[in-house]
Amino acid sequence: PFSKNPQDPFFVDPVAYSEAPEHERRELEATLAALTAALERNPLEKYRPYEKQRLFHGAPQRTRAFVGGSRTGKTTCSAADDLIQALPLELVPRHLQPYKKYGFEEPFKGRVITPDLGHTMEVVLTKFREMVPQEALRGGGWDKAFDKQKRILRFARGDVIDFMSCEQDPNKFGGVDLHRVHFDEEPAGPNSWEIYRDSNVRVLDHGGDVLFSMTPLMETDWVQDIIWDGRLENPDLYFAIRSSMLDNPYLDPKQIELALMSLTKEERQAVEHGHFIAFSGKFFDEFNTDLHVVDPPSPEEVKDWDIVVGIDPGNQSAAVWVGFDGDNKALAFDEVYPDEKALVPTICDQIKRKNAEWGIEPSYVIDPAARIGGGPAQENFETAYAREGVYAAHGMNKRGPGIMELKRRLQHHLGYISSDCRTLIWQIPRYRRMKDSADEWEAVKKNDHAIDAWRYAVMARTWTVPKALASRHSNFNNSDHMFEPPWRGPTQTDTPPLGAYS
């Protein structure tokens, strides 16, 4: 029988094999050798779609989407469907032949579009290389059939599949007629909508289709509006199915849980289950003063930490001190938040006095927009702070990764706030998404300066689940939690790795 491991498609019961007569064992070995040879000749034979994949393959709608979490077989399913169309019927495995729609009377012309020309493109090309029968390719092999410069895969019969990216100029997508356009992973970037709109024109001549295989990671909003919601409003035109990692019979549930431990609950909805997630209202609804607000540390405790001060300059400035202990847990333990507009020298004087009180020499990160003129006498804030002896690196200013990192720490008990940070504590539960904004991460620009400073500091030392999981007494509270082991470089001056977003 076929096993549940797609890399080892046959299962032999070792007990039954050992008890079988010798002639039956020889017969089985010969059968397995013949089957193995057949699979090497046509790797597509290994592909046995599970129920939701079969529904995706068989759907008649012009626009189809397989929306799933990571490791749900999205790329495998969609690449297999593309190859079913590109192969001559005799090379399409019998159990997949009902899904062949094109490539009968004329060669199939397809296009695969990925978000970028780097990693995601390579993942897709690797999948095609693993699944395509070599004899179907021009020249009898991948190296001769695939044009690396033009990224075109040519088949012996004349079928072609080209590979493009949403990073490319939309003008490069015109001028051809196609049977299919397949978006692998969520279309991203400012060109994605124009590329999708043009793709619908490309398939008109052949009555072709447009496919999506993706995990929704909030890069675009039109995919949900047009495709996912469209399956309900225009079911004759749009088909979309959602698959969870748990739907994939080839995955071990225990390994799924280990792989997802470091994600926020919002990320898990997308990565594990393929849900479109959206924020409305508060960004930090997990914040709980009983759990996350702790007593102030002592100067003796602070001196052993890696300390970063995040600075948000402007008409209303803020600075937040964040200490990272040996387990990379983060404690925001002090702040500067002037009651009224303060000059840079005044703020820097307050920062220096705080450092002296704690007996520390921290590093600084500042909003990268500080390099733009707009400070005193139109001098940029970065220079103004440097003139006062506060030399700051540019912080990570992308709001999405920063908010998710803060949520990750709050949800995994790896981020705390000292009760002395009264402004930050007041702002966290009031930090809200801008209503009706097209940008999922746009926040209401009010009472957010301490939040921004906190975000810059925390993003300087992001956290990930370590490979070797362990539990130890926390430096910040009395609970045991998962942690990353202390950083130990070759020398004491080595900088620790930045983690998930480096």
Protein backbone atom coordinates (compact mmCIF):
# COMPACT_ATOMS: atom_id res chain seq x y z
CA PRO A 1 0.00 0.00 0.00
CA PHE A 2 0.97 3.66 -0.35
CA SER A 3 2.42 5.08 2.86
CA LYS A 4 1.70 8.50 4.39
CA ASN A 5 5.20 9.67 3.55
CA PRO A 6 5.28 11.16 0.02
CA GLN A 7 9.06 10.68 -0.07
CA ASP A 8 8.70 6.96 0.68
CA PRO A 9 5.47 6.06 -1.09
CA PHE A 10 5.34 2.34 -0.26
CA PHE A 11 4.94 0.72 3.11
CA VAL A 12 6.04 -2.84 3.74
CA ASP A 13 4.99 -4.56 6.95
CA PRO A 14 8.31 -5.89 8.27
CA VAL A 15 6.64 -8.67 10.30
CA ALA A 16 4.55 -9.92 7.39
CA TYR A 17 7.59 -9.69 5.11
CA SER A 18 9.78 -11.76 7.44
CA GLU A 19 7.08 -14.44 7.81
CA ALA A 20 6.37 -14.71 4.06
CA PRO A 21 7.82 -17.61 2.05
CA GLU A 22 11.02 -16.82 0.19
CA HIS A 23 9.40 -16.93 -3.26
CA GLU A 24 6.79 -14.35 -2.14
CA ARG A 25 9.52 -12.09 -0.79
CA ARG A 26 11.36 -12.26 -4.11
CA GLU A 27 8.13 -11.51 -5.96
CA LEU A 28 7.46 -8.51 -3.70
CA GLU A 29 11.00 -7.21 -4.15
CA ALA A 30 10.66 -7.45 -7.93
CA THR A 31 7.32 -5.62 -7.79
CA LEU A 32 8.77 -2.85 -5.62
CA ALA A 33 11.76 -2.49 -7.92
CA ALA A 34 9.45 -2.12 -10.93
CA LEU A 35 7.26 0.40 -9.11
CA THR A 36 10.29 2.38 -7.95
CA ALA A 37 11.60 2.54 -11.50
CA ALA A 38 8.19 3.74 -12.71
CA LEU A 39 8.18 6.48 -10.08
CA GLU A 40 11.66 7.60 -11.06
CA ARG A 41 10.52 7.77 -14.68
CA ASN A 42 7.45 9.82 -13.74
CA PRO A 43 7.65 11.41 -10.25
CA LEU A 44 4.15 12.81 -10.72
CA GLU A 45 2.89 9.28 -9.98
CA LYS A 46 3.85 9.88 -6.33
CA TYR A 47 1.41 12.74 -6.00
CA ARG A 48 -1.74 11.50 -4.31
CA PRO A 49 -3.94 14.53 -3.57
CA TYR A 50 -5.91 14.57 -0.35
CA GLU A 51 -9.59 15.58 -0.31
CA LYS A 52 -9.24 19.37 -0.39
CA GLN A 53 -6.57 19.17 -3.07
CA ARG A 54 -8.89 17.02 -5.18
CA LEU A 55 -11.65 19.62 -4.84
CA PHE A 56 -9.23 22.32 -5.98
CA HIS A 57 -8.11 20.29 -9.00
CA GLY A 58 -11.63 19.47 -10.06
CA ALA A 59 -13.26 22.90 -9.62
CA PRO A 60 -14.57 24.28 -12.94
CA GLN A 61 -14.43 27.99 -12.09
CA ARG A 62 -12.22 30.34 -14.09
CA THR A 63 -10.49 31.64 -10.95
CA ARG A 64 -9.46 29.15 -8.29
CA ALA A 65 -7.62 29.64 -5.01
CA PHE A 66 -6.06 27.12 -2.65
CA VAL A 67 -5.70 29.12 0.55
CA GLY A 68 -3.82 27.27 3.21
CA GLY A 69 -1.37 27.43 6.06
CA SER A 70 2.27 26.54 5.64
CA ARG A 71 2.98 22.93 4.70
CA THR A 72 -0.55 22.26 3.50
CA GLY A 73 0.71 21.19 0.07
CA LYS A 74 -0.25 24.39 -1.73
CA THR A 75 2.79 24.57 -4.00
CA THR A 76 2.78 20.80 -4.57
CA CYS A 77 -0.89 20.85 -5.51
CA SER A 78 -0.69 23.83 -7.86
CA ALA A 79 2.59 22.74 -9.50
CA ALA A 80 1.08 19.31 -10.10
CA ASP A 81 -1.95 20.94 -11.73
CA ASP A 82 0.31 23.01 -13.99
CA LEU A 83 2.24 19.89 -15.03
CA ILE A 84 -0.99 17.98 -15.68
CA GLN A 85 -1.80 20.62 -18.29
CA ALA A 86 1.71 20.73 -19.80
CA LEU A 87 2.28 16.98 -20.16
CA PRO A 88 0.95 14.84 -22.99
CA LEU A 89 -1.96 12.71 -21.82
CA GLU A 90 0.08 9.50 -21.86
CA LEU A 91 2.46 10.93 -19.24
CA VAL A 92 -0.31 12.14 -16.94
CA PRO A 93 -0.90 9.47 -14.25
CA ARG A 94 -4.27 7.81 -14.62
CA HIS A 95 -5.56 9.08 -11.25
CA LEU A 96 -4.77 12.68 -12.33
CA GLN A 97 -6.09 12.57 -15.90
CA PRO A 98 -9.61 13.77 -14.94
CA TYR A 99 -8.02 17.13 -13.98
CA LYS A 100 -6.45 17.81 -17.38
CA LYS A 101 -8.13 20.80 -19.07
CA TYR A 102 -5.54 22.04 -21.59
CA GLY A 103 -2.82 20.68 -23.80
CA PHE A 104 -4.89 18.27 -25.88
CA GLU A 105 -5.01 19.82 -29.36
CA GLU A 106 -2.34 22.48 -28.88
CA PRO A 107 0.67 22.97 -26.61
CA PHE A 108 -0.06 24.43 -23.21
CA LYS A 109 1.23 27.91 -22.39
CA GLY A 110 1.39 28.75 -18.70
CA ARG A 111 2.88 31.34 -16.37
CA VAL A 112 3.82 31.10 -12.68
CA ILE A 113 4.17 34.36 -10.72
CA THR A 114 5.89 34.50 -7.32
CA PRO A 115 6.25 37.46 -4.92
CA ASP A 116 9.99 37.74 -5.54
CA LEU A 117 12.78 36.45 -7.77
CA GLY A 118 14.72 35.03 -4.82
CA HIS A 119 13.63 32.46 -2.27
CA THR A 120 9.97 31.97 -3.26
CA MET A 121 10.93 31.63 -6.93
CA GLU A 122 13.55 29.01 -6.07
CA VAL A 123 11.07 27.04 -3.95
CA VAL A 124 8.67 26.83 -6.90
CA LEU A 125 11.38 25.89 -9.40
CA THR A 126 12.62 23.16 -7.07
CA LYS A 127 9.11 21.74 -6.83
CA PHE A 128 8.72 21.65 -10.62
CA ARG A 129 12.15 20.06 -11.00
CA GLU A 130 11.21 17.34 -8.49
CA MET A 131 7.85 16.50 -10.07
CA VAL A 132 8.32 16.74 -13.84
CA PRO A 133 9.12 13.60 -15.87
CA GLN A 134 12.50 14.27 -17.49
CA GLU A 135 11.47 12.64 -20.77
CA ALA A 136 8.74 15.27 -21.16
CA LEU A 137 11.30 18.10 -21.20
CA ARG A 138 13.06 19.48 -24.23
CA GLY A 139 16.46 17.83 -24.52
CA GLY A 140 15.43 15.12 -22.08
CA GLY A 141 16.40 16.95 -18.90
CA TRP A 142 15.95 20.05 -16.77
CA ASP A 143 19.32 21.64 -17.55
CA LYS A 144 18.57 21.74 -21.27
CA ALA A 145 14.89 22.59 -20.91
CA PHE A 146 15.10 25.47 -18.45
CA ASP A 147 16.37 28.84 -19.69
CA LYS A 148 17.89 30.45 -16.59
CA GLN A 149 18.13 33.90 -18.16
CA LYS A 150 14.53 34.11 -19.37
CA ARG A 151 13.18 31.70 -16.71
CA ILE A 152 11.24 29.63 -19.23
CA LEU A 153 10.68 25.87 -18.96
CA ARG A 154 10.28 24.25 -22.39
CA PHE A 155 8.77 20.84 -23.00
CA ALA A 156 9.56 18.39 -25.80
CA ARG A 157 6.08 18.72 -27.30
CA GLY A 158 6.26 22.53 -27.45
CA ASP A 159 4.49 23.36 -24.17
CA VAL A 160 6.04 26.22 -22.16
CA ILE A 161 5.79 27.61 -18.64
CA ASP A 162 7.48 30.91 -17.83
CA PHE A 163 8.26 32.13 -14.32
CA MET A 164 7.90 35.76 -13.30
CA SER A 165 7.65 37.89 -10.16
CA CYS A 166 5.53 40.71 -8.77
CA GLU A 167 8.81 42.62 -8.35
CA GLN A 168 9.04 43.03 -12.13
CA ASP A 169 7.70 45.95 -14.16
CA PRO A 170 4.04 45.30 -15.11
CA ASN A 171 4.91 46.19 -18.70
CA LYS A 172 6.90 42.94 -18.95
CA PHE A 173 3.77 40.84 -18.47
CA GLY A 174 1.99 41.74 -21.71
CA GLY A 175 2.23 40.62 -25.30
CA VAL A 176 1.43 36.91 -24.89
CA ASP A 177 -1.64 34.71 -24.82
CA LEU A 178 -1.75 32.03 -22.14
CA HIS A 179 -3.88 29.13 -21.01
CA ARG A 180 -3.11 29.78 -17.36
CA VAL A 181 -1.60 32.27 -14.94
CA HIS A 182 -0.73 30.81 -11.55
CA PHE A 183 0.13 33.02 -8.57
CA ASP A 184 2.18 30.99 -6.11
CA GLU A 185 1.98 32.64 -2.68
CA GLU A 186 0.15 35.86 -1.95
CA PRO A 187 0.79 38.55 -4.60
CA ALA A 188 2.70 41.34 -2.91
CA GLY A 189 3.94 44.82 -3.65
CA PRO A 190 2.58 47.89 -5.43
CA ASN A 191 2.43 46.15 -8.82
CA SER A 192 0.41 43.12 -7.75
CA TRP A 193 -3.05 44.46 -8.63
CA GLU A 194 -1.99 45.66 -12.08
CA ILE A 195 -0.28 42.32 -12.77
CA TYR A 196 -3.41 40.40 -11.73
CA ARG A 197 -5.62 42.61 -13.88
CA ASP A 198 -3.36 42.03 -16.89
CA SER A 199 -3.29 38.28 -16.22
CA ASN A 200 -7.04 38.08 -16.77
CA VAL A 201 -6.50 39.53 -20.23
CA ARG A 202 -3.68 37.07 -21.03
CA VAL A 203 -6.01 34.03 -20.71
CA LEU A 204 -8.93 35.39 -22.76
CA ASP A 205 -7.98 33.83 -26.10
CA HIS A 206 -7.99 30.29 -24.74
CA GLY A 207 -10.76 30.57 -22.19
CA GLY A 208 -8.04 29.96 -19.64
CA ASP A 209 -7.92 30.24 -15.87
CA VAL A 210 -6.12 32.06 -13.07
CA LEU A 211 -4.92 30.08 -10.04
CA PHE A 212 -3.79 31.13 -6.56
CA SER A 213 -1.96 28.94 -4.06
CA MET A 214 -1.14 31.00 -1.00
CA THR A 215 -0.90 31.59 2.71
CA PRO A 216 -2.58 34.92 3.50
CA LEU A 217 0.07 37.06 5.21
CA MET A 218 -1.67 40.43 4.90
CA GLU A 219 0.47 41.68 2.02
CA THR A 220 -2.58 42.64 -0.05
CA ASP A 221 -6.23 43.38 0.60
CA TRP A 222 -7.73 42.83 -2.87
CA VAL A 223 -7.07 39.06 -2.77
CA GLN A 224 -9.50 38.65 0.08
CA ASP A 225 -12.01 41.15 -1.30
CA ILE A 226 -12.10 39.79 -4.85
CA ILE A 227 -11.20 36.10 -4.61
CA TRP A 228 -12.09 34.89 -1.12
CA ASP A 229 -15.24 36.98 -0.67
CA GLY A 230 -16.00 36.56 -4.38
CA ARG A 231 -16.50 32.80 -3.94
CA LEU A 232 -19.72 33.67 -2.08
CA GLU A 233 -20.88 36.57 -4.22
CA ASN A 234 -19.97 35.02 -7.62
CA PRO A 235 -19.66 31.26 -7.06
CA ASP A 236 -19.79 30.53 -10.80
CA LEU A 237 -16.68 32.63 -11.37
CA TYR A 238 -14.62 32.15 -8.20
CA PHE A 239 -13.67 29.01 -6.31
CA ALA A 240 -11.63 29.16 -3.11
CA ILE A 241 -10.94 26.51 -0.51
CA ARG A 242 -9.09 26.79 2.78
CA SER A 243 -6.83 24.05 4.07
CA SER A 244 -5.24 23.73 7.50
CA MET A 245 -1.91 22.10 8.28
CA LEU A 246 -3.99 19.52 10.13
CA ASP A 247 -5.73 18.59 6.86
CA ASN A 248 -2.43 17.38 5.41
CA PRO A 249 -2.20 13.66 6.23
CA TYR A 250 1.57 13.70 5.63
CA LEU A 251 2.31 16.01 8.60
CA ASP A 252 2.88 14.95 12.21
CA PRO A 253 0.66 17.02 14.59
CA LYS A 254 3.45 17.09 17.20
CA GLN A 255 5.90 18.55 14.69
CA ILE A 256 3.27 21.11 13.66
CA GLU A 257 3.00 22.34 17.24
CA LEU A 258 6.77 22.64 17.63
CA ALA A 259 7.03 24.59 14.38
CA LEU A 260 4.35 27.09 15.44
CA MET A 261 5.37 27.74 19.03
CA SER A 262 7.00 31.12 18.41
CA LEU A 263 4.11 32.61 16.40
CA THR A 264 1.52 35.00 17.69
CA LYS A 265 -2.06 33.79 17.77
CA GLU A 266 -2.76 36.01 14.73
CA GLU A 267 0.15 34.57 12.77
CA ARG A 268 -0.98 31.06 13.67
CA GLN A 269 -4.38 31.76 12.17
CA ALA A 270 -2.69 32.52 8.84
CA VAL A 271 0.20 30.05 8.89
CA GLU A 272 -1.55 27.07 10.47
CA HIS A 273 -5.08 27.44 9.13
CA GLY A 274 -4.82 29.76 6.14
CA HIS A 275 -7.18 32.35 7.64
CA PHE A 276 -7.22 35.90 6.40
CA ILE A 277 -6.57 37.87 9.55
CA ALA A 278 -7.42 41.48 10.14
CA PHE A 279 -6.95 43.85 13.02
CA SER A 280 -9.73 46.07 14.20
CA GLY A 281 -9.61 48.11 17.34
CA LYS A 282 -6.76 47.47 19.77
CA PHE A 283 -3.46 46.08 18.48
CA PHE A 284 -2.42 44.73 21.90
CA ASP A 285 -5.56 43.08 23.20
CA GLU A 286 -3.41 40.48 25.00
CA PHE A 287 -1.86 43.12 27.26
CA ASN A 288 -2.77 42.45 30.90
CA THR A 289 -1.39 44.61 33.70
CA ASP A 290 -1.53 41.67 36.13
CA LEU A 291 0.65 39.57 33.81
CA HIS A 292 2.90 42.08 32.08
CA VAL A 293 3.48 44.91 34.58
CA VAL A 294 6.16 44.06 37.14
CA ASP A 295 7.98 45.80 39.98
CA PRO A 296 10.85 48.09 38.98
CA PRO A 297 14.27 46.41 38.86
CA SER A 298 17.20 47.50 40.99
CA PRO A 299 20.35 49.10 39.52
CA GLU A 300 22.17 45.95 40.60
CA GLU A 301 19.92 43.80 38.37
CA VAL A 302 20.05 46.19 35.42
CA LYS A 303 23.85 46.28 35.17
CA ASP A 304 23.95 42.68 33.87
CA TRP A 305 21.48 43.30 31.04
CA ASP A 306 21.91 44.31 27.42
CA ILE A 307 20.16 47.70 27.37
CA VAL A 308 18.74 49.53 24.36
CA VAL A 309 17.07 52.94 24.50
CA GLY A 310 14.47 53.53 21.81
CA ILE A 311 13.94 57.17 20.81
CA ASP A 312 10.94 58.62 18.99
CA PRO A 313 11.85 62.25 18.15
CA GLY A 314 9.51 65.02 17.08
CA ASN A 315 7.27 67.68 18.51
CA GLN A 316 6.37 65.18 21.22
CA SER A 317 9.43 63.06 21.93
CA ALA A 318 9.77 59.86 23.91
CA ALA A 319 12.56 57.55 25.03
CA VAL A 320 12.10 54.07 26.50
CA TRP A 321 14.77 51.94 28.20
CA VAL A 322 14.52 48.21 27.46
CA GLY A 323 16.75 45.64 29.16
CA PHE A 324 17.32 42.15 27.73
CA ASP A 325 18.39 39.48 30.18
CA GLY A 326 20.41 36.35 29.42
CA ASP A 327 17.27 34.60 28.16
CA ASN A 328 16.47 37.52 25.80
CA LYS A 329 13.38 38.47 27.79
CA ALA A 330 12.68 42.18 27.45
CA LEU A 331 11.76 44.56 30.27
CA ALA A 332 10.87 48.19 29.54
CA PHE A 333 12.08 49.67 32.83
CA ASP A 334 12.26 53.45 32.39
CA GLU A 335 11.05 56.25 30.13
CA VAL A 336 11.37 59.90 29.28
CA TYR A 337 8.16 61.55 28.10
CA PRO A 338 8.18 65.37 28.43
CA ASP A 339 4.86 66.91 29.37
CA GLU A 340 5.27 69.52 26.63
CA LYS A 341 7.39 70.19 23.57
CA ALA A 342 11.00 69.94 24.67
CA LEU A 343 14.20 70.85 22.87
CA VAL A 344 16.66 68.12 21.96
CA PRO A 345 19.32 69.32 24.47
CA THR A 346 16.73 69.12 27.25
CA ILE A 347 15.68 65.59 26.29
CA CYS A 348 19.29 64.44 25.96
CA ASP A 349 20.06 65.89 29.38
CA GLN A 350 17.17 63.85 30.84
CA ILE A 351 18.43 60.71 29.05
CA LYS A 352 21.95 61.18 30.44
CA ARG A 353 20.65 61.75 33.96
CA LYS A 354 18.60 58.54 33.74
CA ASN A 355 21.69 56.63 32.58
CA ALA A 356 23.70 58.03 35.47
CA GLU A 357 21.00 57.03 37.97
CA TRP A 358 21.04 53.46 36.69
CA GLY A 359 24.81 53.37 36.24
CA ILE A 360 24.56 52.20 32.62
CA GLU A 361 25.88 53.03 29.15
CA PRO A 362 23.14 51.82 26.79
CA SER A 363 23.00 51.69 23.02
CA TYR A 364 20.41 53.80 21.18
CA VAL A 365 18.05 53.28 18.27
CA ILE A 366 16.01 56.08 16.73
CA ASP A 367 13.21 56.42 14.21
CA PRO A 368 15.02 56.35 10.82
CA ALA A 369 12.87 59.33 9.78
CA ALA A 370 15.08 61.33 12.17
CA ARG A 371 17.58 61.74 9.35
CA ILE A 372 15.09 63.95 7.51
CA GLY A 373 15.20 67.68 8.18
CA GLY A 374 12.49 69.02 10.46
CA GLY A 375 14.19 69.39 13.78
CA PRO A 376 15.56 72.61 15.30
CA ALA A 377 16.23 75.14 12.54
CA GLN A 378 15.34 72.42 10.01
CA GLU A 379 18.32 70.37 11.20
CA ASN A 380 17.53 66.67 11.20
CA PHE A 381 16.91 65.13 14.61
CA GLU A 382 19.58 62.48 14.14
CA THR A 383 22.28 65.14 13.91
CA ALA A 384 20.76 67.14 16.76
CA TYR A 385 20.90 64.13 19.09
CA ALA A 386 24.43 63.25 17.95
CA ARG A 387 25.60 66.79 18.72
CA GLU A 388 24.46 66.21 22.31
CA GLY A 389 26.42 62.97 22.53
CA VAL A 390 23.49 60.58 21.93
CA TYR A 391 24.59 58.52 18.94
CA ALA A 392 21.71 56.37 17.71
CA ALA A 393 21.42 53.68 15.07
CA HIS A 394 18.37 53.59 12.83
CA GLY A 395 15.61 51.45 14.26
CA MET A 396 13.30 49.08 12.38
CA ASN A 397 10.44 51.38 11.43
CA LYS A 398 8.12 48.92 9.64
CA ARG A 399 5.07 48.90 11.85
CA GLY A 400 3.84 45.42 10.92
CA PRO A 401 6.91 43.40 11.99
CA GLY A 402 7.33 45.63 15.06
CA ILE A 403 3.76 45.16 16.28
CA MET A 404 3.94 41.41 15.70
CA GLU A 405 7.22 41.18 17.62
CA LEU A 406 5.70 43.04 20.57
CA LYS A 407 2.61 40.80 20.45
CA ARG A 408 4.83 37.73 20.22
CA ARG A 409 6.64 38.70 23.42
CA LEU A 410 3.45 39.58 25.29
CA GLN A 411 1.77 36.32 24.27
CA HIS A 412 4.79 34.18 25.13
CA HIS A 413 5.59 35.96 28.42
CA LEU A 414 8.82 37.35 27.05
CA GLY A 415 7.98 41.04 27.33
CA TYR A 416 7.32 43.02 30.51
CA ILE A 417 6.91 46.65 31.55
CA SER A 418 8.05 48.16 34.82
CA SER A 419 5.37 49.91 36.83
CA ASP A 420 7.57 53.03 36.60
CA CYS A 421 6.78 53.32 32.85
CA ARG A 422 3.44 54.98 33.48
CA THR A 423 3.11 56.60 30.04
CA LEU A 424 3.89 53.37 28.17
CA ILE A 425 1.45 51.41 30.34
CA TRP A 426 -1.25 54.00 29.66
CA GLN A 427 -0.64 54.01 25.89
CA ILE A 428 -0.47 50.23 25.24
CA PRO A 429 -4.20 49.46 25.69
CA ARG A 430 -5.10 52.60 23.74
CA TYR A 431 -2.96 51.83 20.70
CA ARG A 432 -5.51 51.25 17.95
CA ARG A 433 -5.74 50.60 14.25
CA MET A 434 -6.84 53.49 12.05
CA LYS A 435 -10.41 52.70 11.11
CA ASP A 436 -11.11 52.10 7.39
CA SER A 437 -7.43 52.50 6.49
CA ALA A 438 -6.20 50.48 3.50
CA ASP A 439 -3.01 49.88 5.48
CA GLU A 440 -3.66 47.04 7.92
CA TRP A 441 -0.94 48.35 10.23
CA GLU A 442 -1.77 52.07 10.28
CA ALA A 443 -2.32 53.22 13.84
CA VAL A 444 -4.20 56.23 15.15
CA LYS A 445 -1.56 58.96 15.41
CA LYS A 446 -2.34 59.92 18.96
CA ASN A 447 -0.64 58.95 22.22
CA ASP A 448 1.73 56.58 20.44
CA HIS A 449 5.22 58.05 20.94
CA ALA A 450 6.18 55.83 23.88
CA ILE A 451 4.82 52.83 21.95
CA ASP A 452 7.03 53.70 18.97
CA ALA A 453 10.12 54.12 21.14
CA TRP A 454 9.38 50.77 22.84
CA ARG A 455 8.94 49.15 19.40
CA TYR A 456 12.28 50.45 18.08
CA ALA A 457 14.12 49.15 21.14
CA VAL A 458 12.51 45.70 21.17
CA MET A 459 13.09 45.20 17.45
CA ALA A 460 16.82 45.62 18.08
CA ARG A 461 16.81 42.21 19.81
CA THR A 462 14.04 40.07 18.31
CA TRP A 463 13.14 36.71 19.80
CA THR A 464 12.74 33.24 18.29
CA VAL A 465 12.06 29.81 19.77
CA PRO A 466 15.43 28.05 20.11
CA LYS A 467 16.05 24.65 18.54
CA ALA A 468 16.75 23.07 21.91
CA LEU A 469 13.75 23.99 24.06
CA ALA A 470 14.32 24.41 27.78
CA SER A 471 12.66 26.01 30.81
CA ARG A 472 14.33 28.01 33.57
CA HIS A 473 13.50 30.46 36.31
CA SER A 474 12.63 33.83 34.83
CA ASN A 475 14.67 36.90 35.67
CA PHE A 476 11.55 39.09 35.53
CA ASN A 477 8.82 37.06 37.22
CA ASN A 478 8.24 33.87 39.17
CA SER A 479 6.96 31.70 36.28
CA ASP A 480 8.88 29.26 34.13
CA HIS A 481 8.72 29.93 30.40
CA MET A 482 10.38 28.92 27.17
CA PHE A 483 13.47 30.94 26.40
CA GLU A 484 16.46 31.28 24.15
CA PRO A 485 19.72 30.24 25.80
CA PRO A 486 22.16 33.06 26.64
CA TRP A 487 24.22 34.29 23.71
CA ARG A 488 27.78 33.09 23.87
CA GLY A 489 30.02 34.40 21.08
CA PRO A 490 33.71 33.68 20.57
CA THR A 491 34.53 36.91 22.41
CA GLN A 492 32.75 39.03 24.98
CA THR A 493 32.31 41.87 22.49
CA ASP A 494 30.43 39.85 19.87
CA THR A 495 26.99 41.25 19.03
CA PRO A 496 24.12 38.78 19.59
CA PRO A 497 22.07 37.76 16.53
CA LEU A 498 18.96 39.80 15.80
CA GLY A 499 16.71 36.74 15.44
CA ALA A 500 13.51 36.31 13.42
CA TYR A 501 13.59 39.64 11.58
CA SER A 502 17.33 39.94 10.95
